[in-house]
Amino acid sequence: MNERSILSPAETADELSGTAFVHIDERLIGAYSTADFTSAVRLLDAVAVAAEELNHHPEVQVGWGRVVFELSSHDVGGVTSRDLALARRIGGIAAEQGARVGK
């Protein structure tokens, strides 16, 4: 699979199963719950470092005890293996920090 190949929801379903992320339209959306605003920002800070390492950056919404990540490869107009890689990293970071899968 080419990192620029657009993936369908059927192609990402197995990898996303059991994670915070769902494949909707041309993006992956994952929400996490945290204890408070400070821990939400801490999660975002750690994800920002990983995103820089991967040179792939999510759209983010942060609120009190909640962080929502939206992943898409804008250069090709859909979800690619780059988005799946970042979703895996975000899931690992969230688990390390005690964040829970949110709604």
C-alpha atoms as a PDB file:
ATOM      1  CA  MET A   1       0.000   0.000   0.000  1.00  0.00           C
ATOM      2  CA  ASN A   2       1.331   3.397  -1.036  1.00  0.00           C
ATOM      3  CA  GLU A   3       1.298   6.063   1.708  1.00  0.00           C
ATOM      4  CA  ARG A   4      -0.559   8.341  -0.731  1.00  0.00           C
ATOM      5  CA  SER A   5      -3.253   5.792  -1.616  1.00  0.00           C
ATOM      6  CA  ILE A   6      -6.691   6.751  -0.333  1.00  0.00           C
ATOM      7  CA  LEU A   7      -8.234   4.110   1.925  1.00  0.00           C
ATOM      8  CA  SER A   8     -11.927   3.345   2.204  1.00  0.00           C
ATOM      9  CA  PRO A   9     -13.741   2.787   5.514  1.00  0.00           C
ATOM     10  CA  ALA A  10     -13.809  -0.944   4.698  1.00  0.00           C
ATOM     11  CA  GLU A  11     -10.011  -0.928   4.359  1.00  0.00           C
ATOM     12  CA  THR A  12      -9.478   0.769   7.728  1.00  0.00           C
ATOM     13  CA  ALA A  13     -12.172  -1.026   9.730  1.00  0.00           C
ATOM     14  CA  ASP A  14     -10.004  -3.838  11.127  1.00  0.00           C
ATOM     15  CA  GLU A  15      -7.197  -1.541  12.224  1.00  0.00           C
ATOM     16  CA  LEU A  16      -9.568   0.967  13.820  1.00  0.00           C
ATOM     17  CA  SER A  17     -11.654  -1.667  15.606  1.00  0.00           C
ATOM     18  CA  GLY A  18     -11.426  -1.152  19.367  1.00  0.00           C
ATOM     19  CA  THR A  19      -9.770   2.259  19.065  1.00  0.00           C
ATOM     20  CA  ALA A  20     -11.102   5.766  19.609  1.00  0.00           C
ATOM     21  CA  PHE A  21     -11.065   6.391  15.865  1.00  0.00           C
ATOM     22  CA  VAL A  22     -13.834   5.992  13.320  1.00  0.00           C
ATOM     23  CA  HIS A  23     -13.562   6.535   9.575  1.00  0.00           C
ATOM     24  CA  ILE A  24     -16.215   9.018   8.470  1.00  0.00           C
ATOM     25  CA  ASP A  25     -16.172  10.378   4.939  1.00  0.00           C
ATOM     26  CA  GLU A  26     -12.570  11.376   4.120  1.00  0.00           C
ATOM     27  CA  ARG A  27     -11.243  11.506   7.689  1.00  0.00           C
ATOM     28  CA  LEU A  28     -10.570   9.624  10.891  1.00  0.00           C
ATOM     29  CA  ILE A  29     -12.117  11.103  14.022  1.00  0.00           C
ATOM     30  CA  GLY A  30     -11.035  10.091  17.516  1.00  0.00           C
ATOM     31  CA  ALA A  31     -12.217  11.519  20.822  1.00  0.00           C
ATOM     32  CA  TYR A  32     -10.611  11.096  24.232  1.00  0.00           C
ATOM     33  CA  SER A  33     -11.797  11.983  27.713  1.00  0.00           C
ATOM     34  CA  THR A  34      -9.347  13.205  30.313  1.00  0.00           C
ATOM     35  CA  ALA A  35      -9.624  14.186  33.973  1.00  0.00           C
ATOM     36  CA  ASP A  36      -9.605  17.923  33.344  1.00  0.00           C
ATOM     37  CA  PHE A  37      -8.493  20.695  31.003  1.00  0.00           C
ATOM     38  CA  THR A  38      -4.836  20.476  32.045  1.00  0.00           C
ATOM     39  CA  SER A  39      -4.643  16.767  31.241  1.00  0.00           C
ATOM     40  CA  ALA A  40      -6.384  17.397  27.905  1.00  0.00           C
ATOM     41  CA  VAL A  41      -3.731  19.964  27.015  1.00  0.00           C
ATOM     42  CA  ARG A  42      -0.991  17.600  28.219  1.00  0.00           C
ATOM     43  CA  LEU A  43      -2.335  14.939  25.830  1.00  0.00           C
ATOM     44  CA  LEU A  44      -2.368  17.448  22.985  1.00  0.00           C
ATOM     45  CA  ASP A  45       1.207  18.521  23.783  1.00  0.00           C
ATOM     46  CA  ALA A  46       2.441  14.930  23.586  1.00  0.00           C
ATOM     47  CA  VAL A  47       0.538  14.316  20.342  1.00  0.00           C
ATOM     48  CA  ALA A  48       2.030  17.508  18.871  1.00  0.00           C
ATOM     49  CA  VAL A  49       5.524  16.060  19.363  1.00  0.00           C
ATOM     50  CA  ALA A  50       4.540  12.790  17.659  1.00  0.00           C
ATOM     51  CA  ALA A  51       2.832  14.668  14.817  1.00  0.00           C
ATOM     52  CA  GLU A  52       6.009  16.663  14.200  1.00  0.00           C
ATOM     53  CA  GLU A  53       8.058  13.447  14.139  1.00  0.00           C
ATOM     54  CA  LEU A  54       5.677  11.986  11.540  1.00  0.00           C
ATOM     55  CA  ASN A  55       5.351  15.321   9.702  1.00  0.00           C
ATOM     56  CA  HIS A  56       1.591  14.774   9.682  1.00  0.00           C
ATOM     57  CA  HIS A  57      -0.621  17.088  11.707  1.00  0.00           C
ATOM     58  CA  PRO A  58      -4.180  16.605  12.963  1.00  0.00           C
ATOM     59  CA  GLU A  59      -6.988  19.096  13.303  1.00  0.00           C
ATOM     60  CA  VAL A  60      -7.735  19.315  17.033  1.00  0.00           C
ATOM     61  CA  GLN A  61     -10.520  20.444  19.347  1.00  0.00           C
ATOM     62  CA  VAL A  62      -9.655  20.827  23.031  1.00  0.00           C
ATOM     63  CA  GLY A  63     -12.051  21.454  25.875  1.00  0.00           C
ATOM     64  CA  TRP A  64     -12.447  20.686  29.536  1.00  0.00           C
ATOM     65  CA  GLY A  65     -11.568  16.992  29.824  1.00  0.00           C
ATOM     66  CA  ARG A  66     -11.912  16.316  26.124  1.00  0.00           C
ATOM     67  CA  VAL A  67      -9.701  16.200  23.022  1.00  0.00           C
ATOM     68  CA  VAL A  68     -10.961  15.368  19.537  1.00  0.00           C
ATOM     69  CA  PHE A  69      -8.511  14.586  16.739  1.00  0.00           C
ATOM     70  CA  GLU A  70      -9.420  14.704  13.064  1.00  0.00           C
ATOM     71  CA  LEU A  71      -6.957  13.058  10.680  1.00  0.00           C
ATOM     72  CA  SER A  72      -6.910  13.365   6.914  1.00  0.00           C
ATOM     73  CA  SER A  73      -4.278  13.528   4.218  1.00  0.00           C
ATOM     74  CA  HIS A  74      -5.375  16.810   2.674  1.00  0.00           C
ATOM     75  CA  ASP A  75      -2.836  16.526  -0.140  1.00  0.00           C
ATOM     76  CA  VAL A  76      -4.713  13.523  -1.566  1.00  0.00           C
ATOM     77  CA  GLY A  77      -8.188  14.239  -0.218  1.00  0.00           C
ATOM     78  CA  GLY A  78      -8.754  11.275   2.063  1.00  0.00           C
ATOM     79  CA  VAL A  79      -7.454   8.806   4.605  1.00  0.00           C
ATOM     80  CA  THR A  80      -4.068   7.197   3.940  1.00  0.00           C
ATOM     81  CA  SER A  81      -1.624   4.994   5.806  1.00  0.00           C
ATOM     82  CA  ARG A  82      -0.148   8.206   7.273  1.00  0.00           C
ATOM     83  CA  ASP A  83      -3.423   8.811   9.080  1.00  0.00           C
ATOM     84  CA  LEU A  84      -3.515   5.259  10.405  1.00  0.00           C
ATOM     85  CA  ALA A  85       0.064   5.613  11.667  1.00  0.00           C
ATOM     86  CA  LEU A  86      -0.792   8.841  13.479  1.00  0.00           C
ATOM     87  CA  ALA A  87      -3.977   7.302  14.910  1.00  0.00           C
ATOM     88  CA  ARG A  88      -1.877   4.433  16.327  1.00  0.00           C
ATOM     89  CA  ARG A  89       0.566   6.901  17.893  1.00  0.00           C
ATOM     90  CA  ILE A  90      -2.245   8.981  19.370  1.00  0.00           C
ATOM     91  CA  GLY A  91      -3.849   5.849  20.826  1.00  0.00           C
ATOM     92  CA  GLY A  92      -0.575   4.826  22.460  1.00  0.00           C
ATOM     93  CA  ILE A  93       0.038   8.278  23.898  1.00  0.00           C
ATOM     94  CA  ALA A  94      -3.537   8.484  25.193  1.00  0.00           C
ATOM     95  CA  ALA A  95      -3.183   5.092  26.899  1.00  0.00           C
ATOM     96  CA  GLU A  96       0.118   6.122  28.504  1.00  0.00           C
ATOM     97  CA  GLN A  97      -1.543   9.235  29.898  1.00  0.00           C
ATOM     98  CA  GLY A  98      -4.652   7.474  31.155  1.00  0.00           C
ATOM     99  CA  ALA A  99      -7.027   9.143  28.685  1.00  0.00           C
ATOM    100  CA  ARG A 100     -10.169   7.181  27.927  1.00  0.00           C
ATOM    101  CA  VAL A 101     -11.975   6.728  24.646  1.00  0.00           C
ATOM    102  CA  GLY A 102     -14.507   9.548  24.584  1.00  0.00           C
ATOM    103  CA  LYS A 103     -17.615  10.396  22.657  1.00  0.00           C
END
